[in-house]
Protein backbone atom coordinates (compact mmCIF):
# COMPACT_ATOMS: atom_id res chain seq x y z
CA MET A 1 154.61 121.47 214.65
CA ALA A 2 155.76 123.96 212.38
CA SER A 3 156.43 127.48 213.51
CA TYR A 4 155.61 130.44 210.88
CA TYR A 5 157.52 133.62 211.28
CA ALA A 6 156.79 136.93 209.51
CA SER A 7 155.17 140.03 210.28
CA SER A 8 151.43 139.45 210.78
CA SER A 9 147.98 140.77 211.43
CA SER A 10 146.12 140.31 214.29
CA SER A 11 144.26 137.33 212.60
CA GLY A 12 147.87 135.63 212.12
CA GLU A 13 147.91 136.12 208.34
CA VAL A 14 150.79 137.46 206.66
CA THR A 15 150.60 141.03 205.57
CA ALA A 16 150.53 141.92 201.95
CA ASP A 17 153.84 143.81 202.67
CA HIS A 18 155.79 140.54 203.29
CA ARG A 19 154.20 138.22 200.46
CA ASP A 20 156.84 139.13 198.06
CA PHE A 21 159.74 138.43 200.52
CA PRO A 22 161.61 135.25 199.82
CA HIS A 23 160.31 132.46 201.81
CA VAL A 24 162.70 130.00 203.66
CA LEU A 25 162.05 126.77 205.22
CA ALA A 26 164.52 126.15 208.14
CA VAL A 27 165.02 122.72 209.19
CA ASP A 28 166.89 121.91 212.43
CA ASP A 29 166.45 119.71 215.33
CA ASN A 30 167.91 121.95 217.71
CA HIS A 31 165.79 124.56 219.00
CA VAL A 32 168.59 127.42 219.48
CA ASP A 33 169.77 126.94 216.02
CA ARG A 34 166.36 127.27 214.58
CA LYS A 35 165.86 130.38 216.28
CA ILE A 36 169.35 131.65 215.34
CA ILE A 37 168.73 131.08 211.47
CA GLU A 38 165.05 132.38 211.84
CA THR A 39 166.22 135.49 213.56
CA MET A 40 169.14 136.22 210.96
CA LEU A 41 166.84 135.46 208.13
CA ARG A 42 164.02 137.75 209.29
CA ASN A 43 166.62 140.55 209.84
CA SER A 44 167.48 140.01 205.97
CA SER A 45 163.97 140.56 204.96
CA CYS A 46 162.94 136.90 204.50
CA ARG A 47 159.66 135.15 205.71
CA VAL A 48 160.62 132.03 207.57
CA THR A 49 158.91 128.84 208.61
CA THR A 50 160.83 126.51 211.01
CA VAL A 51 160.43 122.70 211.76
CA GLU A 52 162.18 120.43 213.69
CA ASN A 53 163.01 117.47 211.33
CA GLY A 54 162.89 116.05 207.74
CA THR A 55 159.53 114.54 208.24
CA ARG A 56 157.85 117.74 209.10
CA ALA A 57 159.74 119.63 206.25
CA LEU A 58 158.35 116.97 203.84
CA GLU A 59 154.75 117.35 205.14
CA TYR A 60 155.15 121.12 204.85
CA LEU A 61 156.38 121.15 201.35
CA GLY A 62 153.47 118.79 200.48
CA LEU A 63 155.35 115.48 199.95
CA ARG A 64 154.03 112.58 201.77
CA ASP A 65 155.16 108.88 201.24
CA GLY A 66 156.95 110.19 198.20
CA GLN A 67 153.82 111.52 196.54
CA PRO A 68 152.69 115.15 196.30
CA ASN A 69 149.72 116.44 198.21
CA SER A 70 148.06 119.00 195.98
CA ALA A 71 146.09 120.16 198.95
CA THR A 72 149.39 121.70 200.53
CA LEU A 73 151.29 122.35 197.58
CA GLN A 74 150.28 126.08 197.17
CA ALA A 75 150.39 126.82 200.84
CA SER A 76 153.76 125.49 201.22
CA LYS A 77 155.70 127.61 198.55
CA VAL A 78 159.06 128.17 199.65
CA ASN A 79 162.04 129.76 197.71
CA LEU A 80 164.79 127.85 199.78
CA VAL A 81 165.21 124.96 202.19
CA ILE A 82 168.07 125.34 204.76
CA THR A 83 168.79 122.09 206.90
CA ASP A 84 171.02 121.09 209.23
CA TYR A 85 172.86 117.86 208.14
CA CYS A 86 173.04 115.92 211.49
CA MET A 87 169.31 115.10 212.63
CA PRO A 88 167.66 112.08 214.05
CA GLY A 89 165.36 110.13 211.75
CA MET A 90 166.13 111.74 208.43
CA THR A 91 169.38 113.49 207.70
CA GLY A 92 169.68 116.49 205.91
CA TYR A 93 171.45 114.69 203.24
CA GLU A 94 168.20 112.19 203.16
CA LEU A 95 165.86 115.29 202.84
CA LEU A 96 167.92 116.73 200.29
CA LYS A 97 167.68 113.31 198.14
CA LYS A 98 163.66 113.46 198.62
CA ILE A 99 163.41 116.97 197.36
CA LYS A 100 165.73 116.30 194.41
CA GLY A 101 164.08 113.33 193.62
CA SER A 102 160.57 114.92 193.79
CA SER A 103 159.16 115.99 190.23
CA PHE A 104 157.55 119.22 191.68
CA LEU A 105 160.18 120.07 194.19
CA LYS A 106 163.41 119.42 192.40
CA GLU A 107 164.01 122.95 191.57
CA VAL A 108 163.76 124.10 194.91
CA PRO A 109 167.24 125.26 196.19
CA VAL A 110 168.63 123.28 199.23
CA VAL A 111 171.50 124.39 201.18
CA ILE A 112 172.90 122.06 204.07
CA VAL A 113 174.49 123.45 207.26
CA SER A 114 176.50 121.50 209.56
CA SER A 115 179.05 122.00 212.47
CA GLU A 116 181.41 119.30 211.18
CA ASN A 117 183.81 120.28 208.45
CA VAL A 118 183.83 116.68 206.67
CA PRO A 119 184.91 117.06 203.04
CA THR A 120 183.53 113.91 201.91
CA ARG A 121 179.96 114.67 203.25
CA ILE A 122 180.04 118.36 201.70
CA ASN A 123 180.93 116.61 198.28
CA LYS A 124 178.39 114.17 198.64
CA CYS A 125 175.47 116.87 199.24
CA LEU A 126 177.02 119.20 196.45
CA GLU A 127 176.80 116.12 194.02
CA GLU A 128 173.43 115.16 195.11
CA GLY A 129 171.95 118.80 194.13
CA ALA A 130 172.81 121.03 197.31
CA LYS A 131 173.33 124.56 196.14
CA MET A 132 175.66 125.65 199.10
CA PHE A 133 177.06 123.71 202.20
CA MET A 134 177.66 126.27 205.14
CA LEU A 135 179.40 125.63 208.54
CA LYS A 136 177.77 126.39 211.76
CA PRO A 137 177.62 128.84 213.38
CA LEU A 138 176.35 131.06 210.93
CA LYS A 139 177.33 134.26 210.50
CA GLN A 140 175.52 137.37 209.16
CA SER A 141 177.63 137.32 205.93
CA ASP A 142 176.48 133.58 205.35
CA VAL A 143 172.88 134.90 205.50
CA LYS A 144 173.83 137.61 203.01
CA LYS A 145 175.10 134.98 200.59
CA LEU A 146 171.84 133.15 201.01
CA ARG A 147 169.68 136.30 200.36
CA CYS A 148 171.77 136.94 197.38
CA HIS A 149 171.35 133.51 195.95
CA LEU A 150 167.54 133.90 196.78
CA LEU A 151 167.27 137.11 194.62
CA ASN A 152 168.93 135.39 191.74
CA CYS A 153 166.46 132.39 192.13
CA ARG A 154 163.47 134.35 192.01
CA SER A 155 164.47 136.47 188.84
């Protein structure tokens, strides 16, 4: 189940003040890692949606069975996807390939994170279209780099 994190009103809807903040979809099978990235991004004035795997990420993005789902397309507008590389079921690399292979999602920047510094893995992800590859544990300086990238992508 997706978790939505932003400043919200009592009705659960995002307030107007936060609609212009960059929206990041964070994908990680580890609950603690999701909470860390969520907190760091929220502290950098981002709206954050977290999901626990690649399948949920694709559903949130409006892509099912390789086909766009227009009913969810508008609701899931994100400015960046940040995903763990090692996840059961669908790796971050496989998620990256599905996003970049979609005609309506291919422009969404994807950042891969991993606790393993494997040069061939890093190169493979960058060649497939990842904007960045970052090593865990993420630091606030890493999030600042992401924030700068988000602002450039939005202009």
